[in-house]
């Protein structure tokens, strides 16, 4: 509750389409998020190059590596970045994730 170590509130949320989800689905997700938060939420182009790291031997994107890349992208306006993925994400140990984020990371997948 605003205590020591609390992350600053975002000034907005940028939703990035990763691995080409249909544009209408991305816009539906953004509209849903917009109804729930008090900051601007918009579809955005990736502010940096995002190659899609895959888990060897599986047809999944590596969630940890992709999240690290999202966190490294510049966010000049203080926005948080949410990557919306059209492909399955996973981890070398776990076969599926529903999403991935880090405390104070500024990005989510």
C-alpha atoms as a PDB file:
ATOM      1  CA  UNK A   1       0.000   0.000   0.000  1.00  0.00           C
ATOM      2  CA  UNK A   2       2.496   2.487  -1.170  1.00  0.00           C
ATOM      3  CA  UNK A   3       5.088   1.200   1.301  1.00  0.00           C
ATOM      4  CA  UNK A   4       8.804   1.041   0.945  1.00  0.00           C
ATOM      5  CA  UNK A   5       9.847  -0.604  -2.281  1.00  0.00           C
ATOM      6  CA  UNK A   6       6.492  -0.084  -3.975  1.00  0.00           C
ATOM      7  CA  UNK A   7       6.649   0.200  -7.743  1.00  0.00           C
ATOM      8  CA  UNK A   8       5.596   3.566  -9.165  1.00  0.00           C
ATOM      9  CA  UNK A   9       2.151   3.581 -10.726  1.00  0.00           C
ATOM     10  CA  UNK A  10       2.224   3.385 -14.519  1.00  0.00           C
ATOM     11  CA  UNK A  11       1.318   6.398 -16.606  1.00  0.00           C
ATOM     12  CA  UNK A  12      -0.186   4.078 -19.185  1.00  0.00           C
ATOM     13  CA  UNK A  13      -0.236   0.546 -20.505  1.00  0.00           C
ATOM     14  CA  UNK A  14       1.156  -0.319 -23.922  1.00  0.00           C
ATOM     15  CA  UNK A  15      -0.039  -3.631 -25.350  1.00  0.00           C
ATOM     16  CA  UNK A  16       2.355  -5.124 -27.883  1.00  0.00           C
ATOM     17  CA  UNK A  17       1.193  -7.803 -30.308  1.00  0.00           C
ATOM     18  CA  UNK A  18       3.783 -10.604 -30.324  1.00  0.00           C
ATOM     19  CA  UNK A  19       3.803 -13.391 -32.920  1.00  0.00           C
ATOM     20  CA  UNK A  20       0.939 -11.772 -34.816  1.00  0.00           C
ATOM     21  CA  UNK A  21      -2.309 -12.248 -32.885  1.00  0.00           C
ATOM     22  CA  UNK A  22      -5.328 -11.022 -34.887  1.00  0.00           C
ATOM     23  CA  UNK A  23      -5.659  -7.238 -34.599  1.00  0.00           C
ATOM     24  CA  UNK A  24      -9.317  -7.449 -33.517  1.00  0.00           C
ATOM     25  CA  UNK A  25      -8.363  -9.705 -30.579  1.00  0.00           C
ATOM     26  CA  UNK A  26      -5.647  -7.301 -29.492  1.00  0.00           C
ATOM     27  CA  UNK A  27      -8.108  -4.399 -29.640  1.00  0.00           C
ATOM     28  CA  UNK A  28     -10.674  -6.425 -27.635  1.00  0.00           C
ATOM     29  CA  UNK A  29      -8.078  -7.094 -24.916  1.00  0.00           C
ATOM     30  CA  UNK A  30      -7.063  -3.423 -24.836  1.00  0.00           C
ATOM     31  CA  UNK A  31     -10.710  -2.353 -24.529  1.00  0.00           C
ATOM     32  CA  UNK A  32     -11.171  -4.781 -21.630  1.00  0.00           C
ATOM     33  CA  UNK A  33      -8.070  -3.531 -19.829  1.00  0.00           C
ATOM     34  CA  UNK A  34      -9.169   0.076 -20.407  1.00  0.00           C
ATOM     35  CA  UNK A  35     -12.423  -0.588 -18.567  1.00  0.00           C
ATOM     36  CA  UNK A  36     -10.486  -1.827 -15.533  1.00  0.00           C
ATOM     37  CA  UNK A  37      -7.710   0.737 -15.121  1.00  0.00           C
ATOM     38  CA  UNK A  38      -7.573   4.495 -14.715  1.00  0.00           C
ATOM     39  CA  UNK A  39      -4.596   5.070 -17.034  1.00  0.00           C
ATOM     40  CA  UNK A  40      -4.535   5.157 -20.844  1.00  0.00           C
ATOM     41  CA  UNK A  41      -4.222   1.761 -22.488  1.00  0.00           C
ATOM     42  CA  UNK A  42      -3.320   1.428 -26.157  1.00  0.00           C
ATOM     43  CA  UNK A  43      -2.009  -0.916 -28.799  1.00  0.00           C
ATOM     44  CA  UNK A  44       1.610  -0.036 -29.516  1.00  0.00           C
ATOM     45  CA  UNK A  45       4.369  -1.098 -31.847  1.00  0.00           C
ATOM     46  CA  UNK A  46       7.346  -2.746 -30.193  1.00  0.00           C
ATOM     47  CA  UNK A  47       9.761   0.044 -29.172  1.00  0.00           C
ATOM     48  CA  UNK A  48      12.696  -2.282 -29.803  1.00  0.00           C
ATOM     49  CA  UNK A  49      13.549  -5.359 -31.840  1.00  0.00           C
ATOM     50  CA  UNK A  50      12.017  -8.480 -30.325  1.00  0.00           C
ATOM     51  CA  UNK A  51      13.216 -11.719 -31.786  1.00  0.00           C
ATOM     52  CA  UNK A  52      11.142 -14.636 -30.586  1.00  0.00           C
ATOM     53  CA  UNK A  53      13.284 -16.962 -28.456  1.00  0.00           C
ATOM     54  CA  UNK A  54      12.120 -20.571 -28.655  1.00  0.00           C
ATOM     55  CA  UNK A  55      12.619 -23.422 -26.232  1.00  0.00           C
ATOM     56  CA  UNK A  56      14.843 -26.029 -27.896  1.00  0.00           C
ATOM     57  CA  UNK A  57      12.895 -29.134 -28.873  1.00  0.00           C
ATOM     58  CA  UNK A  58       9.485 -27.559 -28.278  1.00  0.00           C
ATOM     59  CA  UNK A  59       7.204 -25.331 -30.329  1.00  0.00           C
ATOM     60  CA  UNK A  60       6.985 -22.737 -27.548  1.00  0.00           C
ATOM     61  CA  UNK A  61       8.348 -19.270 -26.977  1.00  0.00           C
ATOM     62  CA  UNK A  62      10.656 -19.000 -23.967  1.00  0.00           C
ATOM     63  CA  UNK A  63       8.625 -16.849 -21.560  1.00  0.00           C
ATOM     64  CA  UNK A  64      11.576 -15.800 -19.382  1.00  0.00           C
ATOM     65  CA  UNK A  65      13.753 -14.709 -22.290  1.00  0.00           C
ATOM     66  CA  UNK A  66      10.891 -12.881 -23.979  1.00  0.00           C
ATOM     67  CA  UNK A  67       9.954 -11.124 -20.731  1.00  0.00           C
ATOM     68  CA  UNK A  68      13.571 -10.019 -20.244  1.00  0.00           C
ATOM     69  CA  UNK A  69      13.489  -8.490 -23.738  1.00  0.00           C
ATOM     70  CA  UNK A  70      10.198  -6.721 -23.032  1.00  0.00           C
ATOM     71  CA  UNK A  71      11.610  -5.296 -19.790  1.00  0.00           C
ATOM     72  CA  UNK A  72      14.656  -3.983 -21.673  1.00  0.00           C
ATOM     73  CA  UNK A  73      12.552  -2.060 -24.205  1.00  0.00           C
ATOM     74  CA  UNK A  74      12.478   1.692 -23.602  1.00  0.00           C
ATOM     75  CA  UNK A  75       9.345   3.047 -21.948  1.00  0.00           C
ATOM     76  CA  UNK A  76       9.890   6.799 -22.214  1.00  0.00           C
ATOM     77  CA  UNK A  77       6.469   7.823 -20.959  1.00  0.00           C
ATOM     78  CA  UNK A  78       6.499   5.649 -17.830  1.00  0.00           C
ATOM     79  CA  UNK A  79       4.097   3.108 -19.311  1.00  0.00           C
ATOM     80  CA  UNK A  80       4.065  -0.542 -18.470  1.00  0.00           C
ATOM     81  CA  UNK A  81       4.380  -2.958 -21.374  1.00  0.00           C
ATOM     82  CA  UNK A  82       2.110  -5.980 -21.822  1.00  0.00           C
ATOM     83  CA  UNK A  83       3.045  -8.469 -24.520  1.00  0.00           C
ATOM     84  CA  UNK A  84       0.020 -10.259 -25.959  1.00  0.00           C
ATOM     85  CA  UNK A  85       1.204 -13.447 -27.604  1.00  0.00           C
ATOM     86  CA  UNK A  86      -0.442 -15.512 -30.337  1.00  0.00           C
ATOM     87  CA  UNK A  87       1.854 -18.462 -29.659  1.00  0.00           C
ATOM     88  CA  UNK A  88       2.228 -20.785 -26.724  1.00  0.00           C
ATOM     89  CA  UNK A  89       4.719 -19.660 -24.085  1.00  0.00           C
ATOM     90  CA  UNK A  90       6.601 -21.915 -21.736  1.00  0.00           C
ATOM     91  CA  UNK A  91       9.729 -22.409 -19.688  1.00  0.00           C
ATOM     92  CA  UNK A  92      12.485 -24.992 -20.063  1.00  0.00           C
ATOM     93  CA  UNK A  93      11.218 -26.700 -16.884  1.00  0.00           C
ATOM     94  CA  UNK A  94       7.456 -26.083 -17.178  1.00  0.00           C
ATOM     95  CA  UNK A  95       5.471 -26.948 -20.286  1.00  0.00           C
ATOM     96  CA  UNK A  96       3.034 -24.042 -20.117  1.00  0.00           C
ATOM     97  CA  UNK A  97       2.445 -20.657 -18.563  1.00  0.00           C
ATOM     98  CA  UNK A  98      -0.642 -18.508 -18.550  1.00  0.00           C
ATOM     99  CA  UNK A  99       1.527 -15.410 -18.259  1.00  0.00           C
ATOM    100  CA  UNK A 100       4.796 -14.134 -16.880  1.00  0.00           C
ATOM    101  CA  UNK A 101       5.867 -10.997 -14.998  1.00  0.00           C
ATOM    102  CA  UNK A 102       8.438  -9.951 -12.407  1.00  0.00           C
ATOM    103  CA  UNK A 103       7.875  -7.819  -9.340  1.00  0.00           C
ATOM    104  CA  UNK A 104       8.788  -4.206 -10.311  1.00  0.00           C
ATOM    105  CA  UNK A 105       9.648  -5.364 -13.843  1.00  0.00           C
ATOM    106  CA  UNK A 106       7.475  -2.881 -15.738  1.00  0.00           C
ATOM    107  CA  UNK A 107       6.453  -5.536 -18.269  1.00  0.00           C
ATOM    108  CA  UNK A 108       4.267  -8.609 -18.458  1.00  0.00           C
ATOM    109  CA  UNK A 109       3.659 -11.336 -20.988  1.00  0.00           C
END
